[in-house]
Each structure stands twice: as structure tokens, then as C-alpha cells.
Amino acid sequence: MEIWINPACSKCASALSLLDDAGATYTVRRYLEEPPTAQDIEDVLQRLGMQPWDITRLTEPTAAELGLTAWPRDESHRRQWVTALAAHPILIQRPIITADDGTAVVGRSPDSVRSLLP
């Protein structure tokens, strides 16, 4: 399992605690220090079954600076969204947990984190 975190995020700390309590084996990716590539984001989106705008933090100041709320949310603009997430990883929802079986969740709730546990 891999978990993308921002150490300053309370949801990330909660997810890590849940994983630790369950005895889960995982690696931590501090995605602001080790930003995902566009391909990493595409891979995670496929595993999540989501679109890039679904995992974008639109309340971040960077989102306002880029005008993301006005960007079209359709297939023809999908690459533009992925590129923005790769260039500005602060925009990515957190934590994102990818499991060895190919599944993934945005672990903002305890139930979503637990859904990946055996």
C-alpha cells in the first residue's frame, strides 16, 4: 500500500493512525516533496475511477489563481486538469491510498480508509 500525504493535514494523520492500528504495511509519499508525475496521476485516477476535477482541491488559493472553477470538466480538457495537478500538487485531494490489489481511495473518512484493509 502507498499513501500520499501532506504531513500538515489532519485527515492524513487520521488515515495513518487507522493504518497503523490495523497493522497495515504501507509506504508514505509526501507528495508535496515528491510530486507525482502526470502519469502517476493518470494511474491513480484510473484506480480511483475518477476524473481529475474529482480530486482537485478547488478551495486552495492556487486553484483561484489558475481559475480552475471556470475550467470545463469534460474529456477534451482532462489533460489540462492532470497537467495542473502535476504542476501544483497542493491541489490534489489527500490522503490518497493505493492498495496492492489495484484499488485506491481518497481516504478522507475513516470508512474509506478501512475499505482497503483486509
C-alpha atoms as a PDB file:
ATOM      1  CA  MET A   1       0.000   0.000   0.000  1.00  0.00           C
ATOM      2  CA  GLU A   2       1.094   3.576  -0.626  1.00  0.00           C
ATOM      3  CA  ILE A   3      -0.406   6.680   0.944  1.00  0.00           C
ATOM      4  CA  TRP A   4       0.056  10.165  -0.471  1.00  0.00           C
ATOM      5  CA  ILE A   5       0.111  12.634   2.403  1.00  0.00           C
ATOM      6  CA  ASN A   6       0.718  16.185   3.427  1.00  0.00           C
ATOM      7  CA  PRO A   7       2.158  15.968   6.965  1.00  0.00           C
ATOM      8  CA  ALA A   8       0.270  19.139   7.944  1.00  0.00           C
ATOM      9  CA  CYS A   9      -3.105  17.552   7.088  1.00  0.00           C
ATOM     10  CA  SER A  10      -5.289  16.209   9.904  1.00  0.00           C
ATOM     11  CA  LYS A  11      -7.086  13.785   7.559  1.00  0.00           C
ATOM     12  CA  CYS A  12      -3.700  12.331   6.587  1.00  0.00           C
ATOM     13  CA  ALA A  13      -2.720  11.908  10.240  1.00  0.00           C
ATOM     14  CA  SER A  14      -6.033  10.182  10.926  1.00  0.00           C
ATOM     15  CA  ALA A  15      -5.573   7.821   7.970  1.00  0.00           C
ATOM     16  CA  LEU A  16      -2.040   6.953   9.081  1.00  0.00           C
ATOM     17  CA  SER A  17      -3.310   6.196  12.598  1.00  0.00           C
ATOM     18  CA  LEU A  18      -6.002   3.901  11.217  1.00  0.00           C
ATOM     19  CA  LEU A  19      -3.485   2.057   9.056  1.00  0.00           C
ATOM     20  CA  ASP A  20      -1.082   1.729  11.988  1.00  0.00           C
ATOM     21  CA  ASP A  21      -3.836   0.489  14.323  1.00  0.00           C
ATOM     22  CA  ALA A  22      -4.747  -2.156  11.742  1.00  0.00           C
ATOM     23  CA  GLY A  23      -1.110  -3.239  11.401  1.00  0.00           C
ATOM     24  CA  ALA A  24      -1.107  -2.387   7.704  1.00  0.00           C
ATOM     25  CA  THR A  25       2.131  -2.291   5.758  1.00  0.00           C
ATOM     26  CA  TYR A  26       2.457   0.845   3.670  1.00  0.00           C
ATOM     27  CA  THR A  27       4.865   3.387   2.270  1.00  0.00           C
ATOM     28  CA  VAL A  28       4.411   7.112   2.681  1.00  0.00           C
ATOM     29  CA  ARG A  29       4.744   9.515  -0.207  1.00  0.00           C
ATOM     30  CA  ARG A  30       4.917  13.129   0.862  1.00  0.00           C
ATOM     31  CA  TYR A  31       3.507  14.272  -2.421  1.00  0.00           C
ATOM     32  CA  LEU A  32       4.415  17.929  -1.958  1.00  0.00           C
ATOM     33  CA  GLU A  33       8.087  16.969  -1.601  1.00  0.00           C
ATOM     34  CA  GLU A  34       7.936  14.135  -4.162  1.00  0.00           C
ATOM     35  CA  PRO A  35       5.305  15.372  -6.618  1.00  0.00           C
ATOM     36  CA  PRO A  36       3.507  12.824  -8.753  1.00  0.00           C
ATOM     37  CA  THR A  37       4.040  12.971 -12.478  1.00  0.00           C
ATOM     38  CA  ALA A  38       1.142  13.374 -14.873  1.00  0.00           C
ATOM     39  CA  GLN A  39       1.387   9.615 -15.494  1.00  0.00           C
ATOM     40  CA  ASP A  40       1.258   8.904 -11.731  1.00  0.00           C
ATOM     41  CA  ILE A  41      -1.904  10.995 -11.524  1.00  0.00           C
ATOM     42  CA  GLU A  42      -3.427   9.214 -14.538  1.00  0.00           C
ATOM     43  CA  ASP A  43      -2.667   5.849 -12.919  1.00  0.00           C
ATOM     44  CA  VAL A  44      -4.248   6.893  -9.624  1.00  0.00           C
ATOM     45  CA  LEU A  45      -7.298   8.324 -11.387  1.00  0.00           C
ATOM     46  CA  GLN A  46      -7.800   5.041 -13.214  1.00  0.00           C
ATOM     47  CA  ARG A  47      -7.567   3.105  -9.947  1.00  0.00           C
ATOM     48  CA  LEU A  48      -9.959   5.533  -8.247  1.00  0.00           C
ATOM     49  CA  GLY A  49     -12.389   5.515 -11.170  1.00  0.00           C
ATOM     50  CA  MET A  50     -12.446   9.312 -11.001  1.00  0.00           C
ATOM     51  CA  GLN A  51     -11.717  12.336 -13.141  1.00  0.00           C
ATOM     52  CA  PRO A  52      -9.006  14.878 -12.276  1.00  0.00           C
ATOM     53  CA  TRP A  53     -11.541  17.510 -11.231  1.00  0.00           C
ATOM     54  CA  ASP A  54     -12.929  14.994  -8.721  1.00  0.00           C
ATOM     55  CA  ILE A  55      -9.646  15.005  -6.777  1.00  0.00           C
ATOM     56  CA  THR A  56      -8.889  18.723  -7.110  1.00  0.00           C
ATOM     57  CA  ARG A  57      -8.942  20.953  -4.047  1.00  0.00           C
ATOM     58  CA  LEU A  58     -10.803  23.906  -5.510  1.00  0.00           C
ATOM     59  CA  THR A  59     -10.603  25.924  -2.284  1.00  0.00           C
ATOM     60  CA  GLU A  60      -6.798  26.198  -2.449  1.00  0.00           C
ATOM     61  CA  PRO A  61      -5.506  29.698  -3.308  1.00  0.00           C
ATOM     62  CA  THR A  62      -3.636  28.177  -6.277  1.00  0.00           C
ATOM     63  CA  ALA A  63      -6.957  26.959  -7.683  1.00  0.00           C
ATOM     64  CA  ALA A  64      -8.289  30.506  -7.563  1.00  0.00           C
ATOM     65  CA  GLU A  65      -5.114  31.859  -9.169  1.00  0.00           C
ATOM     66  CA  LEU A  66      -5.476  29.381 -12.035  1.00  0.00           C
ATOM     67  CA  GLY A  67      -9.228  29.972 -12.359  1.00  0.00           C
ATOM     68  CA  LEU A  68      -9.947  26.246 -12.015  1.00  0.00           C
ATOM     69  CA  THR A  69     -13.587  26.651 -11.055  1.00  0.00           C
ATOM     70  CA  ALA A  70     -14.234  28.009 -14.552  1.00  0.00           C
ATOM     71  CA  TRP A  71     -12.393  25.221 -16.374  1.00  0.00           C
ATOM     72  CA  PRO A  72     -14.609  22.860 -18.360  1.00  0.00           C
ATOM     73  CA  ARG A  73     -14.981  19.420 -16.857  1.00  0.00           C
ATOM     74  CA  ASP A  74     -15.024  17.257 -19.922  1.00  0.00           C
ATOM     75  CA  GLU A  75     -12.790  14.792 -21.735  1.00  0.00           C
ATOM     76  CA  SER A  76     -11.316  17.426 -24.053  1.00  0.00           C
ATOM     77  CA  HIS A  77      -9.975  19.334 -21.017  1.00  0.00           C
ATOM     78  CA  ARG A  78      -8.960  16.328 -18.932  1.00  0.00           C
ATOM     79  CA  ARG A  79      -5.254  16.604 -19.840  1.00  0.00           C
ATOM     80  CA  GLN A  80      -5.259  20.280 -18.840  1.00  0.00           C
ATOM     81  CA  TRP A  81      -6.508  19.287 -15.367  1.00  0.00           C
ATOM     82  CA  VAL A  82      -3.935  16.497 -14.982  1.00  0.00           C
ATOM     83  CA  THR A  83      -1.147  18.843 -16.041  1.00  0.00           C
ATOM     84  CA  ALA A  84      -2.278  21.413 -13.460  1.00  0.00           C
ATOM     85  CA  LEU A  85      -2.323  18.771 -10.709  1.00  0.00           C
ATOM     86  CA  ALA A  86       1.178  17.613 -11.633  1.00  0.00           C
ATOM     87  CA  ALA A  87       2.474  21.203 -11.711  1.00  0.00           C
ATOM     88  CA  HIS A  88       0.701  22.178  -8.473  1.00  0.00           C
ATOM     89  CA  PRO A  89       0.410  19.081  -6.239  1.00  0.00           C
ATOM     90  CA  ILE A  90      -1.075  21.168  -3.414  1.00  0.00           C
ATOM     91  CA  LEU A  91      -4.287  20.942  -5.479  1.00  0.00           C
ATOM     92  CA  ILE A  92      -4.554  17.161  -5.048  1.00  0.00           C
ATOM     93  CA  GLN A  93      -7.054  15.841  -2.501  1.00  0.00           C
ATOM     94  CA  ARG A  94      -5.440  13.973   0.333  1.00  0.00           C
ATOM     95  CA  PRO A  95      -4.776  11.408   1.506  1.00  0.00           C
ATOM     96  CA  ILE A  96      -4.869   9.082  -1.476  1.00  0.00           C
ATOM     97  CA  ILE A  97      -4.227   5.445  -0.659  1.00  0.00           C
ATOM     98  CA  THR A  98      -3.396   2.866  -3.297  1.00  0.00           C
ATOM     99  CA  ALA A  99      -3.583  -0.816  -2.394  1.00  0.00           C
ATOM    100  CA  ASP A 100      -1.542  -3.670  -3.786  1.00  0.00           C
ATOM    101  CA  ASP A 101      -4.671  -5.229  -5.315  1.00  0.00           C
ATOM    102  CA  GLY A 102      -5.103  -2.257  -7.669  1.00  0.00           C
ATOM    103  CA  THR A 103      -7.798  -0.448  -5.706  1.00  0.00           C
ATOM    104  CA  ALA A 104      -7.485   3.076  -4.362  1.00  0.00           C
ATOM    105  CA  VAL A 105      -9.431   5.555  -2.254  1.00  0.00           C
ATOM    106  CA  VAL A 106      -9.345   9.164  -1.262  1.00  0.00           C
ATOM    107  CA  GLY A 107      -9.049   8.476   2.452  1.00  0.00           C
ATOM    108  CA  ARG A 108     -10.817  11.494   3.882  1.00  0.00           C
ATOM    109  CA  SER A 109     -13.128   9.399   6.028  1.00  0.00           C
ATOM    110  CA  PRO A 110     -12.312   6.506   8.361  1.00  0.00           C
ATOM    111  CA  ASP A 111     -14.684   4.272   6.393  1.00  0.00           C
ATOM    112  CA  SER A 112     -12.866   4.902   3.111  1.00  0.00           C
ATOM    113  CA  VAL A 113      -9.527   4.039   4.732  1.00  0.00           C
ATOM    114  CA  ARG A 114     -10.968   0.902   6.327  1.00  0.00           C
ATOM    115  CA  SER A 115     -12.377  -0.200   2.955  1.00  0.00           C
ATOM    116  CA  LEU A 116      -8.814  -1.045   1.847  1.00  0.00           C
ATOM    117  CA  LEU A 117      -7.999  -3.119   4.888  1.00  0.00           C
ATOM    118  CA  PRO A 118      -8.365  -6.915   4.832  1.00  0.00           C
END
